[in-house]
Amino acid sequence: MRKRPPDDSTHPAHPVPPLPDRFFDQYASAPRVGDDPELHDGRTRQSPHIEGRWPTHVYCEWIPTETESTSLDLLVPPTASSLVHSPLGAPLPLHISLSQSLMLATDDRDDFVRSVWAAINDSLPSFSVKFTSADWLMNPSHTREFYALRATPSDQLTAILDATNHVCQAMSYPTLDDATFHVSLAWRLPDQANSKRPRRDDSDERQQSVMDTLEVNVEAVKIKIGRTVYRKDLKS
């Protein structure tokens, strides 16, 4: 009589390797085209949808590891909506913004990408980013507050921002001025600001100890236009 193979359920499964970051470029979520705040948990679009215009964003992406995501969860205020995980608990990619939320005209899309890539020096090396503090930041339209990690000063981030602003100014799009480089972890509506829970005495120390373990390795700059993500690798 042949023996049945052992039941694999009794053996621990091998860990699944993480997805490459280019996977998220190909399966970026589609933006909503409606402006009704009821469809966005009360949020109002920073850039209203306009037919023939394309939501556009220049950024450096951070895909936290499972350990980093767990650490970031410790920093998310309990009354805020997390950007670290989806409502179903799936980890989400984070980013450092290097432009305003733009609405490009259809005919400007290709020129914008070509111009930004040309403005970024090909010899710009990859780099890492650490964090100094966490704080609430208001978006330019004063419709949402974001709980964010403030990044350490970075010549590379400044160089990319300057290149992007130069292109935006030349093409008559708004620039990102007085930028505070940061990674947003959560958001809330402004009228929720008074519903903060009392802070524990050890919160600052605990927060700093978590931030000290975090580091973002930036190897590329990305531009998202509608559903399409463009990527420029930095020099390794």
Protein backbone atom coordinates (compact mmCIF):
# COMPACT_ATOMS: atom_id res chain seq x y z
CA MET A 1 0.00 0.00 0.00
CA ARG A 2 1.38 3.43 -0.96
CA LYS A 3 1.88 5.84 1.85
CA ARG A 4 0.20 9.21 1.65
CA PRO A 5 2.57 12.15 1.46
CA PRO A 6 2.90 14.11 4.67
CA ASP A 7 0.39 16.89 5.22
CA ASP A 8 2.15 20.15 4.35
CA SER A 9 -0.15 22.04 6.70
CA THR A 10 1.85 20.70 9.64
CA HIS A 11 5.07 22.21 8.30
CA PRO A 12 5.83 25.95 8.41
CA ALA A 13 5.56 27.61 5.02
CA HIS A 14 8.61 29.24 3.50
CA PRO A 15 8.43 33.06 3.72
CA VAL A 16 7.20 34.67 0.52
CA PRO A 17 9.84 36.98 -0.99
CA PRO A 18 8.85 40.66 -1.16
CA LEU A 19 7.51 42.01 -4.44
CA PRO A 20 9.94 44.16 -6.45
CA ASP A 21 9.10 47.85 -6.30
CA ARG A 22 8.48 47.94 -10.08
CA PHE A 23 5.44 45.72 -9.45
CA PHE A 24 3.67 48.67 -7.82
CA ASP A 25 4.42 50.85 -10.87
CA GLN A 26 2.49 48.46 -13.12
CA TYR A 27 -0.46 48.04 -10.77
CA ALA A 28 -0.86 51.56 -9.45
CA SER A 29 -4.42 52.24 -8.39
CA ALA A 30 -6.64 54.31 -10.64
CA PRO A 31 -7.63 57.76 -9.37
CA ARG A 32 -11.29 58.56 -8.79
CA VAL A 33 -12.73 61.13 -11.15
CA GLY A 34 -15.55 62.31 -8.88
CA ASP A 35 -15.17 65.29 -6.54
CA ASP A 36 -17.99 64.42 -4.13
CA PRO A 37 -16.50 64.41 -0.58
CA GLU A 38 -18.97 61.66 0.34
CA LEU A 39 -16.94 59.32 -1.89
CA HIS A 40 -13.72 60.18 -0.06
CA ASP A 41 -14.59 59.91 3.66
CA GLY A 42 -15.33 63.63 3.79
CA ARG A 43 -12.13 64.63 2.01
CA THR A 44 -12.04 67.31 -0.68
CA ARG A 45 -9.76 66.93 -3.67
CA GLN A 46 -6.73 69.20 -3.54
CA SER A 47 -6.88 69.37 -7.35
CA PRO A 48 -10.49 69.08 -8.63
CA HIS A 49 -11.06 66.70 -11.53
CA ILE A 50 -11.09 68.49 -14.88
CA GLU A 51 -11.84 66.70 -18.14
CA GLY A 52 -8.69 66.57 -20.27
CA ARG A 53 -6.37 67.08 -17.29
CA TRP A 54 -4.23 64.38 -15.69
CA PRO A 55 -3.39 64.17 -11.97
CA THR A 56 0.40 64.20 -11.76
CA HIS A 57 2.90 63.78 -8.95
CA VAL A 58 6.72 63.63 -8.75
CA TYR A 59 8.04 61.63 -5.80
CA CYS A 60 10.52 59.18 -4.32
CA GLU A 61 8.82 55.97 -3.25
CA TRP A 62 9.40 53.99 -0.08
CA ILE A 63 8.09 50.43 0.18
CA PRO A 64 8.56 49.54 3.85
CA THR A 65 9.54 46.03 4.84
CA GLU A 66 7.19 44.05 7.06
CA THR A 67 9.30 44.99 10.08
CA GLU A 68 9.28 48.67 9.09
CA SER A 69 5.51 48.64 8.55
CA THR A 70 5.04 47.20 12.04
CA SER A 71 7.24 49.96 13.46
CA LEU A 72 5.36 52.64 11.52
CA ASP A 73 2.04 51.36 12.89
CA LEU A 74 3.32 52.31 16.35
CA LEU A 75 3.61 55.93 15.22
CA VAL A 76 0.15 56.31 13.66
CA PRO A 77 -2.15 58.32 15.98
CA PRO A 78 -5.15 56.21 17.04
CA THR A 79 -7.70 58.80 15.83
CA ALA A 80 -6.17 59.18 12.35
CA SER A 81 -6.67 57.20 9.14
CA SER A 82 -3.54 55.17 8.39
CA LEU A 83 -1.63 55.44 5.12
CA VAL A 84 0.71 52.62 6.18
CA HIS A 85 -1.90 49.89 5.67
CA SER A 86 -5.12 49.70 3.68
CA PRO A 87 -8.46 49.26 5.51
CA LEU A 88 -8.05 45.52 4.82
CA GLY A 89 -4.60 45.48 6.41
CA ALA A 90 -2.46 45.30 3.26
CA PRO A 91 0.82 47.26 3.43
CA LEU A 92 0.91 50.38 1.24
CA PRO A 93 3.84 52.12 -0.47
CA LEU A 94 4.76 55.51 0.99
CA HIS A 95 6.54 58.45 -0.63
CA ILE A 96 8.39 61.75 -0.32
CA SER A 97 6.67 64.38 -2.49
CA LEU A 98 8.84 66.37 -4.89
CA SER A 99 6.08 68.36 -6.60
CA GLN A 100 2.68 69.83 -6.00
CA SER A 101 -0.37 67.77 -6.94
CA LEU A 102 -0.47 68.85 -10.58
CA MET A 103 -3.15 68.60 -13.26
CA LEU A 104 -1.33 68.28 -16.58
CA ALA A 105 -2.95 69.03 -19.91
CA THR A 106 -3.06 65.98 -22.17
CA ASP A 107 -0.59 67.47 -24.66
CA ASP A 108 1.91 68.30 -21.88
CA ARG A 109 2.35 64.80 -20.47
CA ASP A 110 5.24 63.58 -22.62
CA ASP A 111 7.03 66.93 -22.55
CA PHE A 112 6.75 67.09 -18.77
CA VAL A 113 8.32 63.66 -18.25
CA ARG A 114 11.11 64.31 -20.76
CA SER A 115 11.85 67.71 -19.26
CA VAL A 116 11.97 66.49 -15.66
CA TRP A 117 14.25 63.60 -16.56
CA ALA A 118 16.53 65.95 -18.52
CA ALA A 119 16.65 68.41 -15.61
CA ILE A 120 17.77 65.74 -13.13
CA ASN A 121 21.51 65.23 -13.42
CA ASP A 122 22.32 61.74 -14.71
CA SER A 123 25.21 61.56 -12.24
CA LEU A 124 22.95 62.12 -9.23
CA PRO A 125 23.69 59.17 -6.93
CA SER A 126 21.25 57.04 -4.98
CA PHE A 127 21.01 58.08 -1.34
CA SER A 128 19.38 57.34 1.99
CA VAL A 129 17.01 59.37 4.14
CA LYS A 130 16.57 59.31 7.90
CA PHE A 131 13.95 61.08 10.00
CA THR A 132 14.22 63.73 12.70
CA SER A 133 10.70 64.13 14.09
CA ALA A 134 6.99 63.50 13.52
CA ASP A 135 4.33 66.19 13.35
CA TRP A 136 1.01 67.23 11.84
CA LEU A 137 1.27 69.11 8.51
CA MET A 138 -1.61 70.89 6.75
CA ASN A 139 -2.00 70.45 3.00
CA PRO A 140 -1.95 73.63 0.82
CA SER A 141 -5.74 73.70 0.41
CA HIS A 142 -6.29 73.31 4.19
CA THR A 143 -8.64 70.38 3.61
CA ARG A 144 -6.57 67.69 5.35
CA GLU A 145 -3.84 67.32 7.94
CA PHE A 146 -1.17 64.67 7.56
CA TYR A 147 0.82 63.04 10.33
CA ALA A 148 4.28 62.89 8.82
CA LEU A 149 7.87 61.96 9.48
CA ARG A 150 10.15 64.91 8.74
CA ALA A 151 13.17 63.86 6.70
CA THR A 152 16.74 64.88 7.40
CA PRO A 153 18.13 67.63 5.12
CA SER A 154 19.23 66.16 1.81
CA ASP A 155 21.19 67.75 -1.04
CA GLN A 156 19.81 65.08 -3.39
CA LEU A 157 16.17 65.74 -2.52
CA THR A 158 16.77 69.48 -2.90
CA ALA A 159 18.39 68.93 -6.31
CA ILE A 160 15.44 66.86 -7.55
CA LEU A 161 12.92 69.38 -6.21
CA ASP A 162 14.79 72.27 -7.86
CA ALA A 163 14.79 70.39 -11.17
CA THR A 164 11.06 69.68 -10.92
CA ASN A 165 10.22 73.26 -9.93
CA HIS A 166 12.25 74.57 -12.88
CA VAL A 167 10.19 72.46 -15.29
CA CYS A 168 6.89 73.35 -13.61
CA GLN A 169 7.69 77.05 -13.79
CA ALA A 170 8.71 76.81 -17.45
CA MET A 171 5.44 75.00 -18.28
CA SER A 172 3.28 77.35 -16.15
CA TYR A 173 2.40 74.79 -13.48
CA PRO A 174 2.56 75.50 -9.73
CA THR A 175 5.87 74.89 -7.99
CA LEU A 176 6.42 73.29 -4.60
CA ASP A 177 7.92 76.11 -2.55
CA ASP A 178 9.26 76.01 1.02
CA ALA A 179 9.05 72.23 0.92
CA THR A 180 9.35 70.24 4.11
CA PHE A 181 10.52 66.85 2.94
CA HIS A 182 8.43 64.25 4.72
CA VAL A 183 6.66 60.89 4.56
CA SER A 184 2.97 60.99 5.47
CA LEU A 185 1.79 58.14 7.70
CA ALA A 186 -1.83 59.12 8.39
CA TRP A 187 -4.41 61.82 7.75
CA ARG A 188 -7.40 63.48 9.37
CA LEU A 189 -9.87 66.25 8.58
CA PRO A 190 -9.12 69.63 10.17
CA ASP A 191 -12.22 69.48 12.39
CA GLN A 192 -10.83 66.29 13.95
CA ALA A 193 -7.81 68.14 15.34
CA ASN A 194 -9.51 68.76 18.68
CA SER A 195 -10.26 65.08 19.22
CA LYS A 196 -6.68 64.14 20.13
CA ARG A 197 -6.22 61.59 22.87
CA PRO A 198 -3.99 62.47 25.82
CA ARG A 199 -0.35 61.70 25.14
CA ARG A 200 1.58 59.31 27.32
CA ASP A 201 4.66 60.64 29.09
CA ASP A 202 6.89 58.21 27.24
CA SER A 203 5.46 58.91 23.77
CA ASP A 204 8.27 61.21 22.58
CA GLU A 205 10.98 58.82 23.70
CA ARG A 206 9.18 55.82 22.19
CA GLN A 207 8.57 57.73 18.96
CA GLN A 208 12.22 58.71 18.63
CA SER A 209 13.40 55.16 19.28
CA VAL A 210 11.17 53.92 16.44
CA MET A 211 12.33 56.65 14.04
CA ASP A 212 15.97 55.85 14.76
CA THR A 213 15.44 52.39 13.25
CA LEU A 214 13.99 53.70 9.96
CA GLU A 215 15.96 54.51 6.82
CA VAL A 216 14.75 55.00 3.25
CA ASN A 217 17.09 53.94 0.45
CA VAL A 218 16.21 56.10 -2.56
CA GLU A 219 17.26 54.50 -5.84
CA ALA A 220 14.85 56.18 -8.28
CA VAL A 221 12.60 59.17 -8.93
CA LYS A 222 9.06 58.51 -10.12
CA ILE A 223 6.38 60.48 -11.92
CA LYS A 224 2.80 59.27 -11.79
CA ILE A 225 0.44 60.64 -14.44
CA GLY A 226 -3.04 59.18 -14.14
CA ARG A 227 -2.46 55.43 -13.86
CA THR A 228 0.95 55.47 -15.54
CA VAL A 229 4.18 55.52 -13.51
CA TYR A 230 7.47 56.64 -15.07
CA ARG A 231 10.80 55.90 -13.39
CA LYS A 232 14.31 57.34 -13.58
CA ASP A 233 16.97 55.29 -11.81
CA LEU A 234 19.66 57.16 -9.90
CA LYS A 235 23.32 56.31 -10.26
CA SER A 236 24.25 53.35 -8.07
